[in-house]
C-alpha atoms as a PDB file:
ATOM      1  CA  UNK A   1     -31.084  -8.973  33.549  1.00  0.00           C
ATOM      2  CA  UNK A   2     -28.957  -7.988  30.565  1.00  0.00           C
ATOM      3  CA  UNK A   3     -28.773  -4.766  29.235  1.00  0.00           C
ATOM      4  CA  UNK A   4     -29.627  -5.169  25.222  1.00  0.00           C
ATOM      5  CA  UNK A   5     -29.748  -2.404  22.789  1.00  0.00           C
ATOM      6  CA  UNK A   6     -32.616  -2.980  19.895  1.00  0.00           C
ATOM      7  CA  UNK A   7     -32.512  -1.440  16.619  1.00  0.00           C
ATOM      8  CA  UNK A   8     -36.147  -1.194  15.275  1.00  0.00           C
ATOM      9  CA  UNK A   9     -35.321   1.531  12.899  1.00  0.00           C
ATOM     10  CA  UNK A  10     -32.564   0.203  11.353  1.00  0.00           C
ATOM     11  CA  UNK A  11     -33.274  -2.858   8.782  1.00  0.00           C
ATOM     12  CA  UNK A  12     -30.602  -4.059   8.231  1.00  0.00           C
ATOM     13  CA  UNK A  13     -29.842  -4.569  11.958  1.00  0.00           C
ATOM     14  CA  UNK A  14     -33.681  -4.873  13.240  1.00  0.00           C
ATOM     15  CA  UNK A  15     -33.401  -8.895  13.822  1.00  0.00           C
ATOM     16  CA  UNK A  16     -29.799  -8.298  15.408  1.00  0.00           C
ATOM     17  CA  UNK A  17     -30.100  -6.911  18.983  1.00  0.00           C
ATOM     18  CA  UNK A  18     -26.666  -6.221  20.507  1.00  0.00           C
ATOM     19  CA  UNK A  19     -25.914  -7.055  24.541  1.00  0.00           C
ATOM     20  CA  UNK A  20     -24.043  -4.439  26.136  1.00  0.00           C
ATOM     21  CA  UNK A  21     -23.733  -5.654  29.594  1.00  0.00           C
ATOM     22  CA  UNK A  22     -24.605  -9.772  30.551  1.00  0.00           C
ATOM     23  CA  UNK A  23     -27.215 -10.730  33.159  1.00  0.00           C
ATOM     24  CA  UNK A  24     -24.734 -11.082  35.686  1.00  0.00           C
ATOM     25  CA  UNK A  25     -22.861  -7.850  35.126  1.00  0.00           C
ATOM     26  CA  UNK A  26     -20.078  -8.678  33.217  1.00  0.00           C
ATOM     27  CA  UNK A  27     -19.039  -6.589  30.545  1.00  0.00           C
ATOM     28  CA  UNK A  28     -18.649  -8.034  26.336  1.00  0.00           C
ATOM     29  CA  UNK A  29     -16.607  -6.963  23.206  1.00  0.00           C
ATOM     30  CA  UNK A  30     -19.230  -4.373  23.041  1.00  0.00           C
ATOM     31  CA  UNK A  31     -18.876  -2.699  26.431  1.00  0.00           C
ATOM     32  CA  UNK A  32     -15.362  -2.486  25.818  1.00  0.00           C
ATOM     33  CA  UNK A  33     -15.342  -1.061  22.525  1.00  0.00           C
ATOM     34  CA  UNK A  34     -18.108   1.289  23.199  1.00  0.00           C
ATOM     35  CA  UNK A  35     -15.686   2.900  26.383  1.00  0.00           C
ATOM     36  CA  UNK A  36     -12.256   2.883  24.511  1.00  0.00           C
ATOM     37  CA  UNK A  37     -14.349   5.002  21.337  1.00  0.00           C
ATOM     38  CA  UNK A  38     -15.501   6.853  24.201  1.00  0.00           C
ATOM     39  CA  UNK A  39     -11.971   7.840  25.678  1.00  0.00           C
ATOM     40  CA  UNK A  40     -10.493   8.083  22.266  1.00  0.00           C
ATOM     41  CA  UNK A  41     -12.980  11.123  21.448  1.00  0.00           C
ATOM     42  CA  UNK A  42     -12.538  12.225  24.763  1.00  0.00           C
ATOM     43  CA  UNK A  43      -8.875  12.532  24.793  1.00  0.00           C
ATOM     44  CA  UNK A  44      -7.344  13.046  21.094  1.00  0.00           C
ATOM     45  CA  UNK A  45     -10.255  14.376  19.536  1.00  0.00           C
ATOM     46  CA  UNK A  46     -10.065  12.513  16.026  1.00  0.00           C
ATOM     47  CA  UNK A  47     -11.764  13.217  13.043  1.00  0.00           C
ATOM     48  CA  UNK A  48     -11.885   9.724  12.259  1.00  0.00           C
ATOM     49  CA  UNK A  49     -11.241   6.467  13.461  1.00  0.00           C
ATOM     50  CA  UNK A  50     -10.920   3.082  11.536  1.00  0.00           C
ATOM     51  CA  UNK A  51     -11.041   0.080  12.577  1.00  0.00           C
ATOM     52  CA  UNK A  52      -9.224  -2.747  10.458  1.00  0.00           C
ATOM     53  CA  UNK A  53     -10.356  -6.308  11.184  1.00  0.00           C
ATOM     54  CA  UNK A  54     -11.557  -9.337   8.526  1.00  0.00           C
ATOM     55  CA  UNK A  55     -14.942  -9.623   7.400  1.00  0.00           C
ATOM     56  CA  UNK A  56     -16.370 -11.751   9.984  1.00  0.00           C
ATOM     57  CA  UNK A  57     -16.695  -8.082  12.186  1.00  0.00           C
ATOM     58  CA  UNK A  58     -19.006  -6.560  10.152  1.00  0.00           C
ATOM     59  CA  UNK A  59     -22.075  -6.897  12.260  1.00  0.00           C
ATOM     60  CA  UNK A  60     -20.367  -6.064  15.021  1.00  0.00           C
ATOM     61  CA  UNK A  61     -19.114  -2.825  14.220  1.00  0.00           C
ATOM     62  CA  UNK A  62     -22.145  -1.606  12.428  1.00  0.00           C
ATOM     63  CA  UNK A  63     -24.164  -2.013  15.985  1.00  0.00           C
ATOM     64  CA  UNK A  64     -21.241  -0.191  17.730  1.00  0.00           C
ATOM     65  CA  UNK A  65     -21.208   2.720  15.599  1.00  0.00           C
ATOM     66  CA  UNK A  66     -25.097   2.454  15.547  1.00  0.00           C
ATOM     67  CA  UNK A  67     -25.302   2.913  19.487  1.00  0.00           C
ATOM     68  CA  UNK A  68     -22.396   5.230  19.889  1.00  0.00           C
ATOM     69  CA  UNK A  69     -24.294   7.725  17.774  1.00  0.00           C
ATOM     70  CA  UNK A  70     -27.070   7.421  20.160  1.00  0.00           C
ATOM     71  CA  UNK A  71     -24.977   7.332  22.650  1.00  0.00           C
ATOM     72  CA  UNK A  72     -23.600  10.632  21.607  1.00  0.00           C
ATOM     73  CA  UNK A  73     -25.332  12.222  18.842  1.00  0.00           C
ATOM     74  CA  UNK A  74     -23.521  15.518  19.213  1.00  0.00           C
ATOM     75  CA  UNK A  75     -20.384  13.804  18.253  1.00  0.00           C
ATOM     76  CA  UNK A  76     -18.557  15.093  14.889  1.00  0.00           C
ATOM     77  CA  UNK A  77     -16.094  12.041  13.980  1.00  0.00           C
ATOM     78  CA  UNK A  78     -16.649   9.737  11.105  1.00  0.00           C
ATOM     79  CA  UNK A  79     -16.357   6.091  12.048  1.00  0.00           C
ATOM     80  CA  UNK A  80     -15.356   3.557   9.857  1.00  0.00           C
ATOM     81  CA  UNK A  81     -14.950  -0.347   9.609  1.00  0.00           C
ATOM     82  CA  UNK A  82     -12.260  -1.441   7.245  1.00  0.00           C
ATOM     83  CA  UNK A  83     -12.450  -4.996   6.416  1.00  0.00           C
ATOM     84  CA  UNK A  84     -10.244  -7.478   4.658  1.00  0.00           C
ATOM     85  CA  UNK A  85     -10.954 -11.028   3.033  1.00  0.00           C
ATOM     86  CA  UNK A  86      -8.490 -14.239   4.007  1.00  0.00           C
ATOM     87  CA  UNK A  87      -4.957 -14.624   3.293  1.00  0.00           C
ATOM     88  CA  UNK A  88      -5.219 -18.492   1.248  1.00  0.00           C
ATOM     89  CA  UNK A  89      -2.348 -21.007   0.847  1.00  0.00           C
ATOM     90  CA  UNK A  90      -1.791 -22.275  -2.557  1.00  0.00           C
ATOM     91  CA  UNK A  91      -3.772 -25.105  -1.985  1.00  0.00           C
ATOM     92  CA  UNK A  92      -6.696 -22.589  -1.441  1.00  0.00           C
ATOM     93  CA  UNK A  93      -7.360 -23.258   2.063  1.00  0.00           C
ATOM     94  CA  UNK A  94      -6.333 -20.962   4.832  1.00  0.00           C
ATOM     95  CA  UNK A  95      -2.632 -19.630   5.081  1.00  0.00           C
ATOM     96  CA  UNK A  96      -1.268 -21.910   7.983  1.00  0.00           C
ATOM     97  CA  UNK A  97       2.003 -23.721   8.913  1.00  0.00           C
ATOM     98  CA  UNK A  98       2.838 -27.405   7.786  1.00  0.00           C
ATOM     99  CA  UNK A  99       1.263 -28.938  11.363  1.00  0.00           C
ATOM    100  CA  UNK A 100      -1.462 -26.322  10.892  1.00  0.00           C
ATOM    101  CA  UNK A 101      -0.574 -23.538  13.388  1.00  0.00           C
ATOM    102  CA  UNK A 102      -1.518 -19.976  12.552  1.00  0.00           C
ATOM    103  CA  UNK A 103       1.924 -18.274  10.826  1.00  0.00           C
ATOM    104  CA  UNK A 104       3.492 -15.435  13.087  1.00  0.00           C
ATOM    105  CA  UNK A 105       4.450 -12.503  11.143  1.00  0.00           C
ATOM    106  CA  UNK A 106       7.625 -12.222  12.508  1.00  0.00           C
ATOM    107  CA  UNK A 107       8.524 -15.612  11.389  1.00  0.00           C
ATOM    108  CA  UNK A 108       6.887 -14.675   7.911  1.00  0.00           C
ATOM    109  CA  UNK A 109       8.865 -11.642   7.428  1.00  0.00           C
ATOM    110  CA  UNK A 110      12.182 -13.640   8.225  1.00  0.00           C
ATOM    111  CA  UNK A 111      11.630 -16.419   5.641  1.00  0.00           C
ATOM    112  CA  UNK A 112      10.837 -13.061   3.157  1.00  0.00           C
ATOM    113  CA  UNK A 113      14.407 -11.703   4.029  1.00  0.00           C
ATOM    114  CA  UNK A 114      16.052 -15.411   3.438  1.00  0.00           C
ATOM    115  CA  UNK A 115      13.920 -15.916   0.213  1.00  0.00           C
ATOM    116  CA  UNK A 116      14.824 -12.486  -1.319  1.00  0.00           C
ATOM    117  CA  UNK A 117      18.623 -13.227  -0.342  1.00  0.00           C
ATOM    118  CA  UNK A 118      18.840 -16.243  -2.085  1.00  0.00           C
ATOM    119  CA  UNK A 119      17.811 -14.339  -5.117  1.00  0.00           C
ATOM    120  CA  UNK A 120      19.949 -11.300  -4.776  1.00  0.00           C
ATOM    121  CA  UNK A 121      22.608 -13.753  -4.302  1.00  0.00           C
ATOM    122  CA  UNK A 122      22.230 -15.815  -7.117  1.00  0.00           C
ATOM    123  CA  UNK A 123      21.763 -12.706  -9.673  1.00  0.00           C
ATOM    124  CA  UNK A 124      24.820 -10.268  -7.749  1.00  0.00           C
ATOM    125  CA  UNK A 125      26.820 -13.105  -6.269  1.00  0.00           C
ATOM    126  CA  UNK A 126      30.089 -10.499  -5.623  1.00  0.00           C
ATOM    127  CA  UNK A 127      27.760  -7.652  -3.824  1.00  0.00           C
ATOM    128  CA  UNK A 128      29.191  -7.677  -0.196  1.00  0.00           C
ATOM    129  CA  UNK A 129      27.364 -10.136   1.925  1.00  0.00           C
ATOM    130  CA  UNK A 130      26.349  -6.786   3.987  1.00  0.00           C
ATOM    131  CA  UNK A 131      25.005  -5.001   1.093  1.00  0.00           C
ATOM    132  CA  UNK A 132      23.277  -8.298  -0.183  1.00  0.00           C
ATOM    133  CA  UNK A 133      21.472  -8.532   3.366  1.00  0.00           C
ATOM    134  CA  UNK A 134      20.748  -5.135   2.745  1.00  0.00           C
ATOM    135  CA  UNK A 135      18.658  -5.197  -0.513  1.00  0.00           C
ATOM    136  CA  UNK A 136      17.468  -8.812   0.401  1.00  0.00           C
ATOM    137  CA  UNK A 137      15.884  -6.860   3.633  1.00  0.00           C
ATOM    138  CA  UNK A 138      14.328  -4.381   1.788  1.00  0.00           C
ATOM    139  CA  UNK A 139      12.785  -6.567  -1.353  1.00  0.00           C
ATOM    140  CA  UNK A 140      11.767  -9.198   1.293  1.00  0.00           C
ATOM    141  CA  UNK A 141       9.692  -6.763   3.658  1.00  0.00           C
ATOM    142  CA  UNK A 142       8.600  -4.959   0.193  1.00  0.00           C
ATOM    143  CA  UNK A 143       7.031  -7.855  -1.473  1.00  0.00           C
ATOM    144  CA  UNK A 144       4.909  -9.120   1.294  1.00  0.00           C
ATOM    145  CA  UNK A 145       3.547  -5.726   2.372  1.00  0.00           C
ATOM    146  CA  UNK A 146       2.606  -4.948  -1.314  1.00  0.00           C
ATOM    147  CA  UNK A 147       1.323  -8.412  -1.836  1.00  0.00           C
ATOM    148  CA  UNK A 148      -1.052  -8.092   1.101  1.00  0.00           C
ATOM    149  CA  UNK A 149      -2.212  -4.577   0.031  1.00  0.00           C
ATOM    150  CA  UNK A 150      -2.381  -5.275  -4.226  1.00  0.00           C
ATOM    151  CA  UNK A 151      -5.739  -7.488  -4.093  1.00  0.00           C
ATOM    152  CA  UNK A 152      -8.816  -5.799  -3.554  1.00  0.00           C
ATOM    153  CA  UNK A 153      -8.920  -5.430   0.543  1.00  0.00           C
ATOM    154  CA  UNK A 154     -12.442  -7.574   0.453  1.00  0.00           C
ATOM    155  CA  UNK A 155     -11.424 -10.305  -1.751  1.00  0.00           C
ATOM    156  CA  UNK A 156      -9.394 -13.295  -0.641  1.00  0.00           C
ATOM    157  CA  UNK A 157      -5.881 -13.503  -2.038  1.00  0.00           C
ATOM    158  CA  UNK A 158      -3.637 -16.930  -2.289  1.00  0.00           C
ATOM    159  CA  UNK A 159       0.248 -16.564  -0.747  1.00  0.00           C
ATOM    160  CA  UNK A 160       2.790 -17.177  -3.088  1.00  0.00           C
ATOM    161  CA  UNK A 161       6.325 -16.901  -2.472  1.00  0.00           C
ATOM    162  CA  UNK A 162       7.414 -17.170  -6.224  1.00  0.00           C
ATOM    163  CA  UNK A 163       4.795 -14.335  -7.149  1.00  0.00           C
ATOM    164  CA  UNK A 164       5.400 -11.796  -4.554  1.00  0.00           C
ATOM    165  CA  UNK A 165       9.649 -12.002  -5.187  1.00  0.00           C
ATOM    166  CA  UNK A 166       9.291 -11.849  -8.723  1.00  0.00           C
ATOM    167  CA  UNK A 167      11.450  -9.057 -10.856  1.00  0.00           C
ATOM    168  CA  UNK A 168       8.369  -8.885 -13.078  1.00  0.00           C
ATOM    169  CA  UNK A 169       4.727  -8.441 -13.149  1.00  0.00           C
ATOM    170  CA  UNK A 170       2.931  -6.431 -10.197  1.00  0.00           C
ATOM    171  CA  UNK A 171       5.272  -6.802  -7.726  1.00  0.00           C
ATOM    172  CA  UNK A 172       7.493  -4.688  -5.157  1.00  0.00           C
ATOM    173  CA  UNK A 173      10.284  -5.959  -6.131  1.00  0.00           C
ATOM    174  CA  UNK A 174       9.734  -5.004  -9.937  1.00  0.00           C
ATOM    175  CA  UNK A 175       8.512  -1.290  -8.849  1.00  0.00           C
ATOM    176  CA  UNK A 176      11.706  -0.776  -6.556  1.00  0.00           C
ATOM    177  CA  UNK A 177      13.944  -2.291  -9.527  1.00  0.00           C
ATOM    178  CA  UNK A 178      11.718   0.248 -11.870  1.00  0.00           C
ATOM    179  CA  UNK A 179      12.689   2.827  -9.763  1.00  0.00           C
ATOM    180  CA  UNK A 180      16.431   2.001  -9.165  1.00  0.00           C
ATOM    181  CA  UNK A 181      16.604   1.952 -13.174  1.00  0.00           C
ATOM    182  CA  UNK A 182      15.388   5.225 -13.165  1.00  0.00           C
ATOM    183  CA  UNK A 183      17.754   6.380 -10.912  1.00  0.00           C
ATOM    184  CA  UNK A 184      20.757   5.003 -12.495  1.00  0.00           C
ATOM    185  CA  UNK A 185      19.870   7.285 -15.486  1.00  0.00           C
ATOM    186  CA  UNK A 186      21.121  10.463 -12.952  1.00  0.00           C
ATOM    187  CA  UNK A 187      24.306   8.425 -12.218  1.00  0.00           C
ATOM    188  CA  UNK A 188      25.065   7.440 -15.933  1.00  0.00           C
ATOM    189  CA  UNK A 189      24.943  11.326 -16.806  1.00  0.00           C
ATOM    190  CA  UNK A 190      26.915  12.449 -13.635  1.00  0.00           C
ATOM    191  CA  UNK A 191      23.529  14.390 -12.476  1.00  0.00           C
ATOM    192  CA  UNK A 192      23.423  12.563  -9.313  1.00  0.00           C
ATOM    193  CA  UNK A 193      23.495  15.860  -7.013  1.00  0.00           C
ATOM    194  CA  UNK A 194      20.462  17.485  -8.992  1.00  0.00           C
ATOM    195  CA  UNK A 195      18.064  17.768 -12.560  1.00  0.00           C
ATOM    196  CA  UNK A 196      19.061  19.537 -15.351  1.00  0.00           C
ATOM    197  CA  UNK A 197      15.733  21.458 -15.437  1.00  0.00           C
ATOM    198  CA  UNK A 198      14.658  23.152 -18.962  1.00  0.00           C
ATOM    199  CA  UNK A 199      16.439  26.362 -19.925  1.00  0.00           C
ATOM    200  CA  UNK A 200      13.823  27.145 -22.474  1.00  0.00           C
ATOM    201  CA  UNK A 201      11.125  29.898 -21.739  1.00  0.00           C
ATOM    202  CA  UNK A 202       7.898  28.064 -21.124  1.00  0.00           C
ATOM    203  CA  UNK A 203       9.554  25.257 -19.156  1.00  0.00           C
ATOM    204  CA  UNK A 204       8.899  21.668 -20.070  1.00  0.00           C
ATOM    205  CA  UNK A 205       7.613  20.737 -23.556  1.00  0.00           C
ATOM    206  CA  UNK A 206       5.974  17.684 -24.404  1.00  0.00           C
ATOM    207  CA  UNK A 207       6.582  16.956 -28.116  1.00  0.00           C
ATOM    208  CA  UNK A 208       6.858  13.324 -28.409  1.00  0.00           C
ATOM    209  CA  UNK A 209       3.207  11.087 -27.419  1.00  0.00           C
ATOM    210  CA  UNK A 210       5.486   9.350 -24.705  1.00  0.00           C
ATOM    211  CA  UNK A 211       6.340  12.138 -23.191  1.00  0.00           C
ATOM    212  CA  UNK A 212       2.636  13.804 -23.182  1.00  0.00           C
ATOM    213  CA  UNK A 213       1.558   9.817 -21.963  1.00  0.00           C
ATOM    214  CA  UNK A 214       4.226   9.881 -19.155  1.00  0.00           C
ATOM    215  CA  UNK A 215       3.351  13.700 -17.998  1.00  0.00           C
ATOM    216  CA  UNK A 216      -0.567  12.957 -17.925  1.00  0.00           C
ATOM    217  CA  UNK A 217       0.002   9.740 -15.799  1.00  0.00           C
ATOM    218  CA  UNK A 218       2.235  11.517 -13.155  1.00  0.00           C
ATOM    219  CA  UNK A 219      -0.334  14.327 -12.644  1.00  0.00           C
ATOM    220  CA  UNK A 220      -3.025  11.785 -11.563  1.00  0.00           C
ATOM    221  CA  UNK A 221      -0.952  11.174  -8.510  1.00  0.00           C
ATOM    222  CA  UNK A 222      -2.448  13.700  -5.825  1.00  0.00           C
ATOM    223  CA  UNK A 223      -5.772  12.329  -7.501  1.00  0.00           C
ATOM    224  CA  UNK A 224      -5.018   8.776  -6.894  1.00  0.00           C
ATOM    225  CA  UNK A 225      -3.797   9.415  -3.181  1.00  0.00           C
ATOM    226  CA  UNK A 226      -7.293  10.778  -2.636  1.00  0.00           C
ATOM    227  CA  UNK A 227      -8.895   8.266  -3.588  1.00  0.00           C
ATOM    228  CA  UNK A 228      -7.061   5.840  -2.042  1.00  0.00           C
ATOM    229  CA  UNK A 229      -7.777   7.469   1.156  1.00  0.00           C
ATOM    230  CA  UNK A 230     -11.128   8.331   0.874  1.00  0.00           C
ATOM    231  CA  UNK A 231     -11.943   4.988  -0.228  1.00  0.00           C
ATOM    232  CA  UNK A 232      -9.481   3.084   2.021  1.00  0.00           C
ATOM    233  CA  UNK A 233      -8.350   1.199  -0.971  1.00  0.00           C
ATOM    234  CA  UNK A 234      -4.132   0.815  -0.884  1.00  0.00           C
ATOM    235  CA  UNK A 235      -4.836  -1.653  -4.185  1.00  0.00           C
ATOM    236  CA  UNK A 236      -5.385   1.686  -6.329  1.00  0.00           C
ATOM    237  CA  UNK A 237      -1.792   3.089  -5.889  1.00  0.00           C
ATOM    238  CA  UNK A 238      -0.673  -0.053  -6.458  1.00  0.00           C
ATOM    239  CA  UNK A 239      -1.804  -0.447  -9.509  1.00  0.00           C
ATOM    240  CA  UNK A 240      -0.899   3.494 -10.432  1.00  0.00           C
ATOM    241  CA  UNK A 241       2.224   2.640  -9.623  1.00  0.00           C
ATOM    242  CA  UNK A 242       2.382  -0.611 -12.286  1.00  0.00           C
ATOM    243  CA  UNK A 243       1.327   1.816 -15.167  1.00  0.00           C
ATOM    244  CA  UNK A 244       3.745   4.138 -13.928  1.00  0.00           C
ATOM    245  CA  UNK A 245       6.520   1.666 -14.177  1.00  0.00           C
ATOM    246  CA  UNK A 246       5.184   0.420 -17.887  1.00  0.00           C
ATOM    247  CA  UNK A 247       4.336   3.792 -19.074  1.00  0.00           C
ATOM    248  CA  UNK A 248       8.075   4.842 -18.179  1.00  0.00           C
ATOM    249  CA  UNK A 249       9.477   1.914 -19.499  1.00  0.00           C
ATOM    250  CA  UNK A 250       7.847   3.032 -22.981  1.00  0.00           C
ATOM    251  CA  UNK A 251       8.983   6.549 -22.537  1.00  0.00           C
ATOM    252  CA  UNK A 252      12.316   5.174 -22.155  1.00  0.00           C
ATOM    253  CA  UNK A 253      12.360   2.837 -24.845  1.00  0.00           C
ATOM    254  CA  UNK A 254      11.111   5.283 -27.661  1.00  0.00           C
ATOM    255  CA  UNK A 255      12.306   8.528 -26.250  1.00  0.00           C
ATOM    256  CA  UNK A 256      16.619   8.821 -25.768  1.00  0.00           C
ATOM    257  CA  UNK A 257      17.228  10.743 -22.117  1.00  0.00           C
ATOM    258  CA  UNK A 258      20.913  11.363 -22.095  1.00  0.00           C
ATOM    259  CA  UNK A 259      21.674  10.653 -25.887  1.00  0.00           C
ATOM    260  CA  UNK A 260      19.367  13.467 -26.951  1.00  0.00           C
ATOM    261  CA  UNK A 261      19.792  17.065 -27.952  1.00  0.00           C
ATOM    262  CA  UNK A 262      18.630  20.310 -25.915  1.00  0.00           C
ATOM    263  CA  UNK A 263      16.059  21.448 -24.994  1.00  0.00           C
ATOM    264  CA  UNK A 264      14.442  17.624 -25.518  1.00  0.00           C
ATOM    265  CA  UNK A 265      17.004  16.230 -22.896  1.00  0.00           C
ATOM    266  CA  UNK A 266      16.150  19.188 -20.128  1.00  0.00           C
ATOM    267  CA  UNK A 267      12.333  17.982 -21.108  1.00  0.00           C
ATOM    268  CA  UNK A 268      12.960  14.176 -20.675  1.00  0.00           C
ATOM    269  CA  UNK A 269      15.282  14.338 -17.399  1.00  0.00           C
ATOM    270  CA  UNK A 270      12.795  16.472 -15.354  1.00  0.00           C
ATOM    271  CA  UNK A 271      10.349  13.699 -16.715  1.00  0.00           C
ATOM    272  CA  UNK A 272      12.563  11.332 -15.542  1.00  0.00           C
ATOM    273  CA  UNK A 273      12.998  13.150 -12.176  1.00  0.00           C
ATOM    274  CA  UNK A 274       9.513  13.415 -11.275  1.00  0.00           C
ATOM    275  CA  UNK A 275       9.032   9.884 -12.359  1.00  0.00           C
ATOM    276  CA  UNK A 276      11.500   9.002  -9.615  1.00  0.00           C
ATOM    277  CA  UNK A 277      10.205  11.036  -7.362  1.00  0.00           C
ATOM    278  CA  UNK A 278       6.541   9.710  -7.518  1.00  0.00           C
ATOM    279  CA  UNK A 279       7.412   5.936  -7.464  1.00  0.00           C
ATOM    280  CA  UNK A 280       9.404   6.633  -3.812  1.00  0.00           C
ATOM    281  CA  UNK A 281       6.702   8.664  -2.682  1.00  0.00           C
ATOM    282  CA  UNK A 282       3.991   6.442  -3.567  1.00  0.00           C
ATOM    283  CA  UNK A 283       5.963   3.163  -2.436  1.00  0.00           C
ATOM    284  CA  UNK A 284       6.554   5.346   0.930  1.00  0.00           C
ATOM    285  CA  UNK A 285       2.686   5.538   1.277  1.00  0.00           C
ATOM    286  CA  UNK A 286       2.170   2.081   1.154  1.00  0.00           C
ATOM    287  CA  UNK A 287       5.080   1.470   3.850  1.00  0.00           C
ATOM    288  CA  UNK A 288       7.932   0.059   1.236  1.00  0.00           C
ATOM    289  CA  UNK A 289      11.351   1.483   0.865  1.00  0.00           C
ATOM    290  CA  UNK A 290      13.464   1.835  -2.254  1.00  0.00           C
ATOM    291  CA  UNK A 291      16.666   1.341  -3.580  1.00  0.00           C
ATOM    292  CA  UNK A 292      19.137   3.718  -5.300  1.00  0.00           C
ATOM    293  CA  UNK A 293      20.607   0.685  -6.850  1.00  0.00           C
ATOM    294  CA  UNK A 294      19.840  -3.384  -7.358  1.00  0.00           C
END
């Protein structure tokens, strides 16, 4: 007969037995997933194994993890199922082609680059085509990635080219532009090769409310990264970077940088440098490239 595992001691699985071998001896997904997990632990000894699928697989992975820990109670590994919602079209239905087929990722990314190229060409028609295409590649791919990581991963979201490629709002192009804007400060000041760090005793001195607010937000970066990793929530990092861009814009408006006098100038340049580095690293964690000029 078939080989089935029952979960009488697990309330949420009590009415959901799992088959690991069919009556004719054939295997199923549960069988292969158990064998694969066993192989991974024996071969690589990972501390944590993360499965990323859509919400429909929740029951399967609860069963899988429970069975595996019964099979290998000595295993010192954290097993996690990171599930996500659905991508919807602007009509509120599952995102598909006009013919009803599933959209291929390669085609989606190609279209993102072409749409970004149209935006770049309209705003900077005098740039060489090779430069415009490189900017379009970075912006287009970044826009798709960011739009997918920004929502709560367990919620459905609506796919919109117009929103994801916008240079305003919580989008990758906006953050990429914000980073490029910070970097432009150093080019204007002839400081491309380094940062003019504070020379006065005590290092950076924060005197203005906008300086203090920016510095405090920068200090939270490590905490946010830890929370993102612990809870598998990249949207926390997206929102942190978006807030950083807004806080920096307010700081830059209220606190002149290159026109300020020492020691304020050195402190503000240091804050600009830290902002650029945090934005660059944060976007890199999300798999998104930055540009020195846009």
